[in-house]
PDB file of N, CA and C in Angstrom:
ATOM      1  N   MET A   1    -153.902-108.157 -40.744  1.00  0.00           N
ATOM      2  CA  MET A   1    -153.325-107.240 -41.672  1.00  0.00           C
ATOM      3  C   MET A   1    -151.827-107.091 -41.450  1.00  0.00           C
ATOM      4  N   ILE A   2    -151.421-107.081 -40.202  1.00  0.00           N
ATOM      5  CA  ILE A   2    -149.995-106.971 -39.890  1.00  0.00           C
ATOM      6  C   ILE A   2    -149.267-108.206 -40.383  1.00  0.00           C
ATOM      7  N   SER A   3    -149.859-109.336 -40.213  1.00  0.00           N
ATOM      8  CA  SER A   3    -149.173-110.540 -40.645  1.00  0.00           C
ATOM      9  C   SER A   3    -149.040-110.578 -42.156  1.00  0.00           C
ATOM     10  N   SER A   4    -150.031-110.066 -42.875  1.00  0.00           N
ATOM     11  CA  SER A   4    -149.903-110.036 -44.322  1.00  0.00           C
ATOM     12  C   SER A   4    -148.871-108.997 -44.745  1.00  0.00           C
ATOM     13  N   SER A   5    -148.762-107.893 -44.009  1.00  0.00           N
ATOM     14  CA  SER A   5    -147.738-106.894 -44.299  1.00  0.00           C
ATOM     15  C   SER A   5    -146.358-107.459 -44.037  1.00  0.00           C
ATOM     16  N   ILE A   6    -146.263-108.216 -42.952  1.00  0.00           N
ATOM     17  CA  ILE A   6    -144.969-108.846 -42.633  1.00  0.00           C
ATOM     18  C   ILE A   6    -144.641-109.874 -43.694  1.00  0.00           C
ATOM     19  N   SER A   7    -145.627-110.608 -44.129  1.00  0.00           N
ATOM     20  CA  SER A   7    -145.417-111.612 -45.158  1.00  0.00           C
ATOM     21  C   SER A   7    -144.960-110.957 -46.459  1.00  0.00           C
ATOM     22  N   VAL A   8    -145.577-109.826 -46.827  1.00  0.00           N
ATOM     23  CA  VAL A   8    -145.186-109.101 -48.039  1.00  0.00           C
ATOM     24  C   VAL A   8    -143.771-108.560 -47.872  1.00  0.00           C
ATOM     25  N   LEU A   9    -143.497-108.037 -46.682  1.00  0.00           N
ATOM     26  CA  LEU A   9    -142.159-107.506 -46.410  1.00  0.00           C
ATOM     27  C   LEU A   9    -141.108-108.611 -46.496  1.00  0.00           C
ATOM     28  N   ILE A  10    -141.428-109.778 -45.957  1.00  0.00           N
ATOM     29  CA  ILE A  10    -140.476-110.908 -46.004  1.00  0.00           C
ATOM     30  C   ILE A  10    -140.251-111.326 -47.452  1.00  0.00           C
ATOM     31  N   ARG A  11    -141.332-111.401 -48.258  1.00  0.00           N
ATOM     32  CA  ARG A  11    -141.176-111.761 -49.667  1.00  0.00           C
ATOM     33  C   ARG A  11    -140.332-110.712 -50.408  1.00  0.00           C
ATOM     34  N   TYR A  12    -140.558-109.455 -50.102  1.00  0.00           N
ATOM     35  CA  TYR A  12    -139.788-108.374 -50.727  1.00  0.00           C
ATOM     36  C   TYR A  12    -138.313-108.493 -50.351  1.00  0.00           C
ATOM     37  N   LEU A  13    -138.058-108.745 -49.058  1.00  0.00           N
ATOM     38  CA  LEU A  13    -136.666-108.896 -48.608  1.00  0.00           C
ATOM     39  C   LEU A  13    -136.022-110.129 -49.226  1.00  0.00           C
ATOM     40  N   ASP A  14    -136.799-111.212 -49.353  1.00  0.00           N
ATOM     41  CA  ASP A  14    -136.266-112.421 -49.996  1.00  0.00           C
ATOM     42  C   ASP A  14    -135.872-112.123 -51.445  1.00  0.00           C
ATOM     43  N   CYS A  15    -136.731-111.410 -52.152  1.00  0.00           N
ATOM     44  CA  CYS A  15    -136.424-111.063 -53.555  1.00  0.00           C
ATOM     45  C   CYS A  15    -135.210-110.142 -53.625  1.00  0.00           C
ATOM     46  N   ALA A  16    -135.162-109.166 -52.730  1.00  0.00           N
ATOM     47  CA  ALA A  16    -134.038-108.230 -52.738  1.00  0.00           C
ATOM     48  C   ALA A  16    -132.746-108.949 -52.399  1.00  0.00           C
ATOM     49  N   CYS A  17    -132.798-109.840 -51.417  1.00  0.00           N
ATOM     50  CA  CYS A  17    -131.599-110.606 -51.047  1.00  0.00           C
ATOM     51  C   CYS A  17    -131.181-111.526 -52.181  1.00  0.00           C
ATOM     52  N   PHE A  18    -132.180-112.150 -52.821  1.00  0.00           N
ATOM     53  CA  PHE A  18    -131.864-113.036 -53.933  1.00  0.00           C
ATOM     54  C   PHE A  18    -131.192-112.256 -55.060  1.00  0.00           C
ATOM     55  N   ASP A  19    -131.717-111.081 -55.364  1.00  0.00           N
ATOM     56  CA  ASP A  19    -131.109-110.235 -56.401  1.00  0.00           C
ATOM     57  C   ASP A  19    -129.683-109.835 -56.007  1.00  0.00           C
ATOM     58  N   CYS A  20    -129.506-109.478 -54.722  1.00  0.00           N
ATOM     59  CA  CYS A  20    -128.159-109.113 -54.247  1.00  0.00           C
ATOM     60  C   CYS A  20    -127.213-110.296 -54.348  1.00  0.00           C
ATOM     61  N   LEU A  21    -127.708-111.482 -53.982  1.00  0.00           N
ATOM     62  CA  LEU A  21    -126.867-112.685 -54.063  1.00  0.00           C
ATOM     63  C   LEU A  21    -126.500-113.002 -55.514  1.00  0.00           C
ATOM     64  N   GLN A  22    -127.459-112.843 -56.419  1.00  0.00           N
ATOM     65  CA  GLN A  22    -127.156-113.086 -57.839  1.00  0.00           C
ATOM     66  C   GLN A  22    -126.117-112.084 -58.348  1.00  0.00           C
ATOM     67  N   GLN A  23    -126.266-110.829 -57.974  1.00  0.00           N
ATOM     68  CA  GLN A  23    -125.305-109.808 -58.401  1.00  0.00           C
ATOM     69  C   GLN A  23    -123.941-110.087 -57.789  1.00  0.00           C
ATOM     70  N   LEU A  24    -123.924-110.469 -56.516  1.00  0.00           N
ATOM     71  CA  LEU A  24    -122.661-110.805 -55.852  1.00  0.00           C
ATOM     72  C   LEU A  24    -122.004-112.006 -56.516  1.00  0.00           C
ATOM     73  N   HIS A  25    -122.814-113.004 -56.848  1.00  0.00           N
ATOM     74  CA  HIS A  25    -122.279-114.199 -57.518  1.00  0.00           C
ATOM     75  C   HIS A  25    -121.675-113.815 -58.876  1.00  0.00           C
ATOM     76  N   ALA A  26    -122.341-112.950 -59.620  1.00  0.00           N
ATOM     77  CA  ALA A  26    -121.822-112.513 -60.927  1.00  0.00           C
ATOM     78  C   ALA A  26    -120.514-111.747 -60.750  1.00  0.00           C
ATOM     79  N   GLU A  27    -120.435-110.905 -59.743  1.00  0.00           N
ATOM     80  CA  GLU A  27    -119.205-110.152 -59.489  1.00  0.00           C
ATOM     81  C   GLU A  27    -118.071-111.070 -59.054  1.00  0.00           C
ATOM     82  N   VAL A  28    -118.397-112.097 -58.261  1.00  0.00           N
ATOM     83  CA  VAL A  28    -117.371-113.074 -57.845  1.00  0.00           C
ATOM     84  C   VAL A  28    -116.865-113.844 -59.066  1.00  0.00           C
ATOM     85  N   GLU A  29    -117.765-114.263 -59.941  1.00  0.00           N
ATOM     86  CA  GLU A  29    -117.354-114.969 -61.159  1.00  0.00           C
ATOM     87  C   GLU A  29    -116.457-114.093 -62.026  1.00  0.00           C
ATOM     88  N   LEU A  30    -116.806-112.819 -62.151  1.00  0.00           N
ATOM     89  CA  LEU A  30    -115.993-111.886 -62.928  1.00  0.00           C
ATOM     90  C   LEU A  30    -114.613-111.710 -62.289  1.00  0.00           C
ATOM     91  N   ALA A  31    -114.587-111.598 -60.963  1.00  0.00           N
ATOM     92  CA  ALA A  31    -113.311-111.443 -60.254  1.00  0.00           C
ATOM     93  C   ALA A  31    -112.432-112.682 -60.457  1.00  0.00           C
ATOM     94  N   TRP A  32    -113.038-113.881 -60.378  1.00  0.00           N
ATOM     95  CA  TRP A  32    -112.260-115.114 -60.596  1.00  0.00           C
ATOM     96  C   TRP A  32    -111.735-115.166 -62.028  1.00  0.00           C
ATOM     97  N   SER A  33    -112.548-114.723 -62.966  1.00  0.00           N
ATOM     98  CA  SER A  33    -112.117-114.708 -64.363  1.00  0.00           C
ATOM     99  C   SER A  33    -110.934-113.755 -64.549  1.00  0.00           C
ATOM    100  N   LYS A  34    -111.032-112.577 -63.941  1.00  0.00           N
ATOM    101  CA  LYS A  34    -109.927-111.620 -64.033  1.00  0.00           C
ATOM    102  C   LYS A  34    -108.677-112.149 -63.336  1.00  0.00           C
ATOM    103  N   ALA A  35    -108.863-112.813 -62.203  1.00  0.00           N
ATOM    104  CA  ALA A  35    -107.714-113.384 -61.486  1.00  0.00           C
ATOM    105  C   ALA A  35    -107.035-114.445 -62.334  1.00  0.00           C
ATOM    106  N   GLY A  36    -107.831-115.254 -63.037  1.00  0.00           N
ATOM    107  CA  GLY A  36    -107.254-116.269 -63.925  1.00  0.00           C
ATOM    108  C   GLY A  36    -106.486-115.630 -65.069  1.00  0.00           C
ATOM    109  N   ALA A  37    -107.039-114.555 -65.618  1.00  0.00           N
ATOM    110  CA  ALA A  37    -106.349-113.855 -66.711  1.00  0.00           C
ATOM    111  C   ALA A  37    -105.057-113.236 -66.208  1.00  0.00           C
ATOM    112  N   ILE A  38    -105.094-112.650 -65.014  1.00  0.00           N
ATOM    113  CA  ILE A  38    -103.879-112.058 -64.433  1.00  0.00           C
ATOM    114  C   ILE A  38    -102.832-113.132 -64.196  1.00  0.00           C
ATOM    115  N   SER A  39    -103.272-114.291 -63.722  1.00  0.00           N
ATOM    116  CA  SER A  39    -102.334-115.393 -63.485  1.00  0.00           C
ATOM    117  C   SER A  39    -101.686-115.849 -64.791  1.00  0.00           C
ATOM    118  N   THR A  40    -102.476-115.919 -65.852  1.00  0.00           N
ATOM    119  CA  THR A  40    -101.945-116.316 -67.160  1.00  0.00           C
ATOM    120  C   THR A  40    -100.927-115.294 -67.656  1.00  0.00           C
ATOM    121  N   VAL A  41    -101.264-114.018 -67.531  1.00  0.00           N
ATOM    122  CA  VAL A  41    -100.340-112.960 -67.960  1.00  0.00           C
ATOM    123  C   VAL A  41     -99.058-113.009 -67.130  1.00  0.00           C
ATOM    124  N   GLN A  42     -99.196-113.248 -65.831  1.00  0.00           N
ATOM    125  CA  GLN A  42     -98.015-113.321 -64.969  1.00  0.00           C
ATOM    126  C   GLN A  42     -97.115-114.487 -65.388  1.00  0.00           C
ATOM    127  N   GLN A  43     -97.720-115.630 -65.707  1.00  0.00           N
ATOM    128  CA  GLN A  43     -96.925-116.776 -66.159  1.00  0.00           C
ATOM    129  C   GLN A  43     -96.206-116.458 -67.466  1.00  0.00           C
ATOM    130  N   GLN A  44     -96.899-115.773 -68.369  1.00  0.00           N
ATOM    131  CA  GLN A  44     -96.270-115.396 -69.638  1.00  0.00           C
ATOM    132  C   GLN A  44     -95.110-114.428 -69.394  1.00  0.00           C
ATOM    133  N   LEU A  45     -95.325-113.468 -68.504  1.00  0.00           N
ATOM    134  CA  LEU A  45     -94.257-112.510 -68.199  1.00  0.00           C
ATOM    135  C   LEU A  45     -93.073-113.201 -67.521  1.00  0.00           C
ATOM    136  N   ASP A  46     -93.355-114.137 -66.615  1.00  0.00           N
ATOM    137  CA  ASP A  46     -92.274-114.885 -65.964  1.00  0.00           C
ATOM    138  C   ASP A  46     -91.474-115.689 -66.986  1.00  0.00           C
ATOM    139  N   SER A  47     -92.180-116.284 -67.942  1.00  0.00           N
ATOM    140  CA  SER A  47     -91.502-117.056 -68.989  1.00  0.00           C
ATOM    141  C   SER A  47     -90.649-116.144 -69.865  1.00  0.00           C
ATOM    142  N   ALA A  48     -91.207-114.993 -70.249  1.00  0.00           N
ATOM    143  CA  ALA A  48     -90.441-114.043 -71.071  1.00  0.00           C
ATOM    144  C   ALA A  48     -89.233-113.529 -70.303  1.00  0.00           C
ATOM    145  N   PHE A  49     -89.405-113.277 -69.013  1.00  0.00           N
ATOM    146  CA  PHE A  49     -88.306-112.802 -68.184  1.00  0.00           C
ATOM    147  C   PHE A  49     -87.197-113.849 -68.101  1.00  0.00           C
ATOM    148  N   ALA A  50     -87.580-115.107 -67.926  1.00  0.00           N
ATOM    149  CA  ALA A  50     -86.581-116.182 -67.868  1.00  0.00           C
ATOM    150  C   ALA A  50     -85.827-116.292 -69.190  1.00  0.00           C
ATOM    151  N   GLN A  51     -86.548-116.156 -70.311  1.00  0.00           N
ATOM    152  CA  GLN A  51     -85.889-116.209 -71.619  1.00  0.00           C
ATOM    153  C   GLN A  51     -84.921-115.045 -71.797  1.00  0.00           C
ATOM    154  N   LEU A  52     -85.330-113.857 -71.348  1.00  0.00           N
ATOM    155  CA  LEU A  52     -84.442-112.697 -71.458  1.00  0.00           C
ATOM    156  C   LEU A  52     -83.209-112.865 -70.588  1.00  0.00           C
ATOM    157  N   GLN A  53     -83.387-113.401 -69.382  1.00  0.00           N
ATOM    158  CA  GLN A  53     -82.220-113.643 -68.525  1.00  0.00           C
ATOM    159  C   GLN A  53     -81.271-114.628 -69.179  1.00  0.00           C
ATOM    160  N   SER A  54     -81.817-115.678 -69.771  1.00  0.00           N
ATOM    161  CA  SER A  54     -80.990-116.668 -70.453  1.00  0.00           C
ATOM    162  C   SER A  54     -80.249-116.027 -71.627  1.00  0.00           C
ATOM    163  N   GLN A  55     -80.937-115.192 -72.388  1.00  0.00           N
ATOM    164  CA  GLN A  55     -80.304-114.515 -73.528  1.00  0.00           C
ATOM    165  C   GLN A  55     -79.218-113.564 -73.056  1.00  0.00           C
ATOM    166  N   ILE A  56     -79.446-112.885 -71.940  1.00  0.00           N
ATOM    167  CA  ILE A  56     -78.429-111.983 -71.391  1.00  0.00           C
ATOM    168  C   ILE A  56     -77.185-112.766 -70.995  1.00  0.00           C
ATOM    169  N   GLU A  57     -77.372-113.941 -70.397  1.00  0.00           N
ATOM    170  CA  GLU A  57     -76.222-114.768 -70.026  1.00  0.00           C
ATOM    171  C   GLU A  57     -75.443-115.198 -71.270  1.00  0.00           C
ATOM    172  N   VAL A  58     -76.171-115.584 -72.313  1.00  0.00           N
ATOM    173  CA  VAL A  58     -75.518-115.983 -73.568  1.00  0.00           C
ATOM    174  C   VAL A  58     -74.769-114.789 -74.153  1.00  0.00           C
ATOM    175  N   ASP A  59     -75.420-113.617 -74.126  1.00  0.00           N
ATOM    176  CA  ASP A  59     -74.779-112.413 -74.657  1.00  0.00           C
ATOM    177  C   ASP A  59     -73.531-112.049 -73.867  1.00  0.00           C
ATOM    178  N   HIS A  60     -73.579-112.204 -72.549  1.00  0.00           N
ATOM    179  CA  HIS A  60     -72.395-111.916 -71.733  1.00  0.00           C
ATOM    180  C   HIS A  60     -71.239-112.852 -72.109  1.00  0.00           C
ATOM    181  N   CYS A  61     -71.567-114.126 -72.322  1.00  0.00           N
ATOM    182  CA  CYS A  61     -70.526-115.078 -72.739  1.00  0.00           C
ATOM    183  C   CYS A  61     -69.960-114.684 -74.099  1.00  0.00           C
ATOM    184  N   SER A  62     -70.842-114.263 -75.019  1.00  0.00           N
ATOM    185  CA  SER A  62     -70.383-113.847 -76.339  1.00  0.00           C
ATOM    186  C   SER A  62     -69.507-112.607 -76.242  1.00  0.00           C
ATOM    187  N   ILE A  63     -69.907-111.669 -75.406  1.00  0.00           N
ATOM    188  CA  ILE A  63     -69.116-110.448 -75.231  1.00  0.00           C
ATOM    189  C   ILE A  63     -67.756-110.785 -74.646  1.00  0.00           C
ATOM    190  N   ASP A  64     -67.724-111.667 -73.651  1.00  0.00           N
ATOM    191  CA  ASP A  64     -66.442-112.070 -73.066  1.00  0.00           C
ATOM    192  C   ASP A  64     -65.546-112.725 -74.120  1.00  0.00           C
ATOM    193  N   SER A  65     -66.140-113.557 -74.961  1.00  0.00           N
ATOM    194  CA  SER A  65     -65.364-114.206 -76.025  1.00  0.00           C
ATOM    195  C   SER A  65     -64.842-113.175 -77.026  1.00  0.00           C
ATOM    196  N   LEU A  66     -65.679-112.205 -77.380  1.00  0.00           N
ATOM    197  CA  LEU A  66     -65.243-111.161 -78.308  1.00  0.00           C
ATOM    198  C   LEU A  66     -64.116-110.324 -77.716  1.00  0.00           C
ATOM    199  N   VAL A  67     -64.213-110.000 -76.444  1.00  0.00           N
ATOM    200  CA  VAL A  67     -63.155-109.220 -75.797  1.00  0.00           C
ATOM    201  C   VAL A  67     -61.847-110.012 -75.803  1.00  0.00           C
ATOM    202  N   ALA A  68     -61.926-111.312 -75.523  1.00  0.00           N
ATOM    203  CA  ALA A  68     -60.721-112.144 -75.549  1.00  0.00           C
ATOM    204  C   ALA A  68     -60.139-112.199 -76.964  1.00  0.00           C
ATOM    205  N   ALA A  69     -61.003-112.339 -77.968  1.00  0.00           N
ATOM    206  CA  ALA A  69     -60.524-112.393 -79.351  1.00  0.00           C
ATOM    207  C   ALA A  69     -59.874-111.068 -79.754  1.00  0.00           C
ATOM    208  N   ILE A  70     -60.475-109.967 -79.347  1.00  0.00           N
ATOM    209  CA  ILE A  70     -59.908-108.647 -79.664  1.00  0.00           C
ATOM    210  C   ILE A  70     -58.563-108.475 -78.981  1.00  0.00           C
ATOM    211  N   ALA A  71     -58.452-108.942 -77.738  1.00  0.00           N
ATOM    212  CA  ALA A  71     -57.174-108.847 -77.029  1.00  0.00           C
ATOM    213  C   ALA A  71     -56.105-109.663 -77.750  1.00  0.00           C
ATOM    214  N   LEU A  72     -56.469-110.853 -78.216  1.00  0.00           N
ATOM    215  CA  LEU A  72     -55.505-111.676 -78.960  1.00  0.00           C
ATOM    216  C   LEU A  72     -55.100-110.992 -80.265  1.00  0.00           C
ATOM    217  N   LEU A  73     -56.075-110.425 -80.962  1.00  0.00           N
ATOM    218  CA  LEU A  73     -55.757-109.731 -82.212  1.00  0.00           C
ATOM    219  C   LEU A  73     -54.861-108.518 -81.962  1.00  0.00           C
ATOM    220  N   CYS A  74     -55.149-107.787 -80.895  1.00  0.00           N
ATOM    221  CA  CYS A  74     -54.292-106.634 -80.569  1.00  0.00           C
ATOM    222  C   CYS A  74     -52.876-107.098 -80.270  1.00  0.00           C
ATOM    223  N   GLY A  75     -52.763-108.211 -79.557  1.00  0.00           N
ATOM    224  CA  GLY A  75     -51.444-108.763 -79.262  1.00  0.00           C
ATOM    225  C   GLY A  75     -50.710-109.187 -80.520  1.00  0.00           C
ATOM    226  N   ALA A  76     -51.460-109.643 -81.521  1.00  0.00           N
ATOM    227  CA  ALA A  76     -50.831-110.055 -82.781  1.00  0.00           C
ATOM    228  C   ALA A  76     -50.554-108.856 -83.678  1.00  0.00           C
ATOM    229  N   ILE A  77     -51.422-107.872 -83.652  1.00  0.00           N
ATOM    230  CA  ILE A  77     -51.291-106.724 -84.551  1.00  0.00           C
ATOM    231  C   ILE A  77     -50.196-105.766 -84.099  1.00  0.00           C
ATOM    232  N   TYR A  78     -50.021-105.587 -82.810  1.00  0.00           N
ATOM    233  CA  TYR A  78     -49.042-104.612 -82.331  1.00  0.00           C
ATOM    234  C   TYR A  78     -47.638-104.908 -82.861  1.00  0.00           C
ATOM    235  N   PRO A  79     -47.128-106.139 -82.732  1.00  0.00           N
ATOM    236  CA  PRO A  79     -45.788-106.397 -83.298  1.00  0.00           C
ATOM    237  C   PRO A  79     -45.741-106.173 -84.812  1.00  0.00           C
ATOM    238  N   LEU A  80     -46.840-106.516 -85.504  1.00  0.00           N
ATOM    239  CA  LEU A  80     -46.879-106.274 -86.948  1.00  0.00           C
ATOM    240  C   LEU A  80     -46.855-104.784 -87.256  1.00  0.00           C
ATOM    241  N   SER A  81     -47.521-104.004 -86.434  1.00  0.00           N
ATOM    242  CA  SER A  81     -47.526-102.551 -86.615  1.00  0.00           C
ATOM    243  C   SER A  81     -46.127-101.982 -86.405  1.00  0.00           C
ATOM    244  N   VAL A  82     -45.454-102.482 -85.364  1.00  0.00           N
ATOM    245  CA  VAL A  82     -44.081-102.028 -85.105  1.00  0.00           C
ATOM    246  C   VAL A  82     -43.191-102.402 -86.277  1.00  0.00           C
ATOM    247  N   ARG A  83     -43.346-103.626 -86.768  1.00  0.00           N
ATOM    248  CA  ARG A  83     -42.519-104.096 -87.898  1.00  0.00           C
ATOM    249  C   ARG A  83     -42.809-103.265 -89.152  1.00  0.00           C
ATOM    250  N   ALA A  84     -44.084-102.957 -89.409  1.00  0.00           N
ATOM    251  CA  ALA A  84     -44.437-102.145 -90.571  1.00  0.00           C
ATOM    252  C   ALA A  84     -43.832-100.753 -90.448  1.00  0.00           C
ATOM    253  N   SER A  85     -43.809-100.210 -89.255  1.00  0.00           N
ATOM    254  CA  SER A  85     -43.213 -98.894 -89.034  1.00  0.00           C
ATOM    255  C   SER A  85     -41.702 -98.947 -89.302  1.00  0.00           C
ATOM    256  N   GLU A  86     -41.076-100.017 -88.829  1.00  0.00           N
ATOM    257  CA  GLU A  86     -39.634-100.170 -89.072  1.00  0.00           C
ATOM    258  C   GLU A  86     -39.353-100.307 -90.562  1.00  0.00           C
ATOM    259  N   LEU A  87     -40.158-101.087 -91.264  1.00  0.00           N
ATOM    260  CA  LEU A  87     -39.975-101.251 -92.709  1.00  0.00           C
ATOM    261  C   LEU A  87     -40.189 -99.934 -93.449  1.00  0.00           C
ATOM    262  N   ALA A  88     -41.145 -99.140 -93.005  1.00  0.00           N
ATOM    263  CA  ALA A  88     -41.369 -97.834 -93.627  1.00  0.00           C
ATOM    264  C   ALA A  88     -40.158 -96.931 -93.428  1.00  0.00           C
ATOM    265  N   ALA A  89     -39.569 -96.987 -92.244  1.00  0.00           N
ATOM    266  CA  ALA A  89     -38.370 -96.186 -91.981  1.00  0.00           C
ATOM    267  C   ALA A  89     -37.221 -96.662 -92.873  1.00  0.00           C
ATOM    268  N   GLN A  90     -37.067 -97.981 -93.022  1.00  0.00           N
ATOM    269  CA  GLN A  90     -36.017 -98.522 -93.892  1.00  0.00           C
ATOM    270  C   GLN A  90     -36.259 -98.110 -95.342  1.00  0.00           C
ATOM    271  N   ARG A  91     -37.518 -98.150 -95.797  1.00  0.00           N
ATOM    272  CA  ARG A  91     -37.840 -97.736 -97.161  1.00  0.00           C
ATOM    273  C   ARG A  91     -37.476 -96.271 -97.370  1.00  0.00           C
ATOM    274  N   HIS A  92     -37.757 -95.446 -96.370  1.00  0.00           N
ATOM    275  CA  HIS A  92     -37.406 -94.027 -96.460  1.00  0.00           C
ATOM    276  C   HIS A  92     -35.890 -93.861 -96.614  1.00  0.00           C
ATOM    277  N   LEU A  93     -35.122 -94.598 -95.809  1.00  0.00           N
ATOM    278  CA  LEU A  93     -33.652 -94.528 -95.913  1.00  0.00           C
ATOM    279  C   LEU A  93     -33.181 -95.018 -97.276  1.00  0.00           C
ATOM    280  N   MET A  94     -33.783 -96.112 -97.742  1.00  0.00           N
ATOM    281  CA  MET A  94     -33.381 -96.657 -99.048  1.00  0.00           C
ATOM    282  C   MET A  94     -33.712 -95.658-100.164  1.00  0.00           C
ATOM    283  N   THR A  95     -34.836 -94.982-100.065  1.00  0.00           N
ATOM    284  CA  THR A  95     -35.218 -93.979-101.063  1.00  0.00           C
ATOM    285  C   THR A  95     -34.211 -92.835-101.070  1.00  0.00           C
ATOM    286  N   GLU A  96     -33.818 -92.391 -99.874  1.00  0.00           N
ATOM    287  CA  GLU A  96     -32.807 -91.332 -99.790  1.00  0.00           C
ATOM    288  C   GLU A  96     -31.487 -91.785-100.395  1.00  0.00           C
ATOM    289  N   GLN A  97     -31.079 -93.032-100.096  1.00  0.00           N
ATOM    290  CA  GLN A  97     -29.823 -93.552-100.658  1.00  0.00           C
ATOM    291  C   GLN A  97     -29.918 -93.659-102.172  1.00  0.00           C
ATOM    292  N   LEU A  98     -31.071 -94.089-102.675  1.00  0.00           N
ATOM    293  CA  LEU A  98     -31.256 -94.199-104.113  1.00  0.00           C
ATOM    294  C   LEU A  98     -31.180 -92.816-104.770  1.00  0.00           C
ATOM    295  N   GLN A  99     -31.778 -91.823-104.139  1.00  0.00           N
ATOM    296  CA  GLN A  99     -31.712 -90.461-104.675  1.00  0.00           C
ATOM    297  C   GLN A  99     -30.270 -89.953-104.668  1.00  0.00           C
ATOM    298  N   ARG A 100     -29.532 -90.230-103.591  1.00  0.00           N
ATOM    299  CA  ARG A 100     -28.120 -89.826-103.534  1.00  0.00           C
ATOM    300  C   ARG A 100     -27.322 -90.552-104.616  1.00  0.00           C
ATOM    301  N   PHE A 101     -27.609 -91.847-104.808  1.00  0.00           N
ATOM    302  CA  PHE A 101     -26.897 -92.603-105.832  1.00  0.00           C
ATOM    303  C   PHE A 101     -27.193 -92.026-107.211  1.00  0.00           C
ATOM    304  N   ASP A 102     -28.466 -91.691-107.465  1.00  0.00           N
ATOM    305  CA  ASP A 102     -28.809 -91.093-108.763  1.00  0.00           C
ATOM    306  C   ASP A 102     -28.088 -89.755-108.957  1.00  0.00           C
ATOM    307  N   ALA A 103     -28.029 -88.964-107.898  1.00  0.00           N
ATOM    308  CA  ALA A 103     -27.323 -87.677-107.986  1.00  0.00           C
ATOM    309  C   ALA A 103     -25.837 -87.927-108.241  1.00  0.00           C
ATOM    310  N   PHE A 104     -25.267 -88.907-107.543  1.00  0.00           N
ATOM    311  CA  PHE A 104     -23.855 -89.241-107.734  1.00  0.00           C
ATOM    312  C   PHE A 104     -23.614 -89.715-109.164  1.00  0.00           C
ATOM    313  N   LYS A 105     -24.500 -90.563-109.674  1.00  0.00           N
ATOM    314  CA  LYS A 105     -24.374 -91.071-111.038  1.00  0.00           C
ATOM    315  C   LYS A 105     -24.436 -89.916-112.035  1.00  0.00           C
ATOM    316  N   GLN A 106     -25.300 -88.970-111.814  1.00  0.00           N
ATOM    317  CA  GLN A 106     -25.382 -87.805-112.696  1.00  0.00           C
ATOM    318  C   GLN A 106     -24.073 -87.010-112.674  1.00  0.00           C
ATOM    319  N   GLN A 107     -23.517 -86.861-111.465  1.00  0.00           N
ATOM    320  CA  GLN A 107     -22.254 -86.120-111.348  1.00  0.00           C
ATOM    321  C   GLN A 107     -21.126 -86.872-112.051  1.00  0.00           C
ATOM    322  N   VAL A 108     -21.114 -88.193-111.909  1.00  0.00           N
ATOM    323  CA  VAL A 108     -20.078 -88.988-112.585  1.00  0.00           C
ATOM    324  C   VAL A 108     -20.228 -88.850-114.088  1.00  0.00           C
ATOM    325  N   LEU A 109     -21.438 -88.922-114.602  1.00  0.00           N
ATOM    326  CA  LEU A 109     -21.653 -88.763-116.048  1.00  0.00           C
ATOM    327  C   LEU A 109     -21.219 -87.378-116.512  1.00  0.00           C
ATOM    328  N   LEU A 110     -21.541 -86.380-115.744  1.00  0.00           N
ATOM    329  CA  LEU A 110     -21.160 -85.019-116.093  1.00  0.00           C
ATOM    330  C   LEU A 110     -19.633 -84.882-116.081  1.00  0.00           C
ATOM    331  N   PHE A 111     -19.012 -85.443-115.057  1.00  0.00           N
ATOM    332  CA  PHE A 111     -17.547 -85.380-114.936  1.00  0.00           C
ATOM    333  C   PHE A 111     -16.884 -86.141-116.091  1.00  0.00           C
ATOM    334  N   SER A 112     -17.451 -87.309-116.432  1.00  0.00           N
ATOM    335  CA  SER A 112     -16.861 -88.096-117.523  1.00  0.00           C
ATOM    336  C   SER A 112     -17.025 -87.382-118.867  1.00  0.00           C
ATOM    337  N   GLN A 113     -18.097 -86.650-119.022  1.00  0.00           N
ATOM    338  CA  GLN A 113     -18.292 -85.910-120.264  1.00  0.00           C
ATOM    339  C   GLN A 113     -17.252 -84.798-120.399  1.00  0.00           C
ATOM    340  N   HIS A 114     -16.827 -84.187-119.277  1.00  0.00           N
ATOM    341  CA  HIS A 114     -15.806 -83.146-119.328  1.00  0.00           C
ATOM    342  C   HIS A 114     -14.475 -83.730-119.774  1.00  0.00           C
ATOM    343  N   PHE A 115     -14.165 -84.923-119.354  1.00  0.00           N
ATOM    344  CA  PHE A 115     -12.893 -85.502-119.738  1.00  0.00           C
ATOM    345  C   PHE A 115     -12.913 -86.039-121.173  1.00  0.00           C
ATOM    346  N   VAL A 116     -14.037 -86.461-121.615  1.00  0.00           N
ATOM    347  CA  VAL A 116     -14.153 -87.008-122.962  1.00  0.00           C
ATOM    348  C   VAL A 116     -14.066 -85.869-123.956  1.00  0.00           C
ATOM    349  N   HIS A 117     -14.538 -84.751-123.693  1.00  0.00           N
ATOM    350  CA  HIS A 117     -14.533 -83.631-124.630  1.00  0.00           C
ATOM    351  C   HIS A 117     -13.416 -82.775-124.412  1.00  0.00           C
TER     352      HIS A 117
END
């Protein structure tokens, strides 16, 4: 009777171990599947990161070029701005002279009318 009980116990343990091994195998397969998915995502993220770094380098070069172009334009515009300011001052003087000339012409006409009459 003891030997049959031991035999039943051994069969029960074999079944329980087999079930545990099957469950462990399924969990290992799931873990490997998740690890593969994580590896794929990591590769995609590494690729996206490399592309972003490359784009940042291109953008930095573009920004440097824009800053240089703006500096050149400022260098060209400043003398033009000074010249425009000088021309505006000259126009103001010419306008004043023209107004004085018109006033003088009016006085001459008025004076000539006194002598004519």
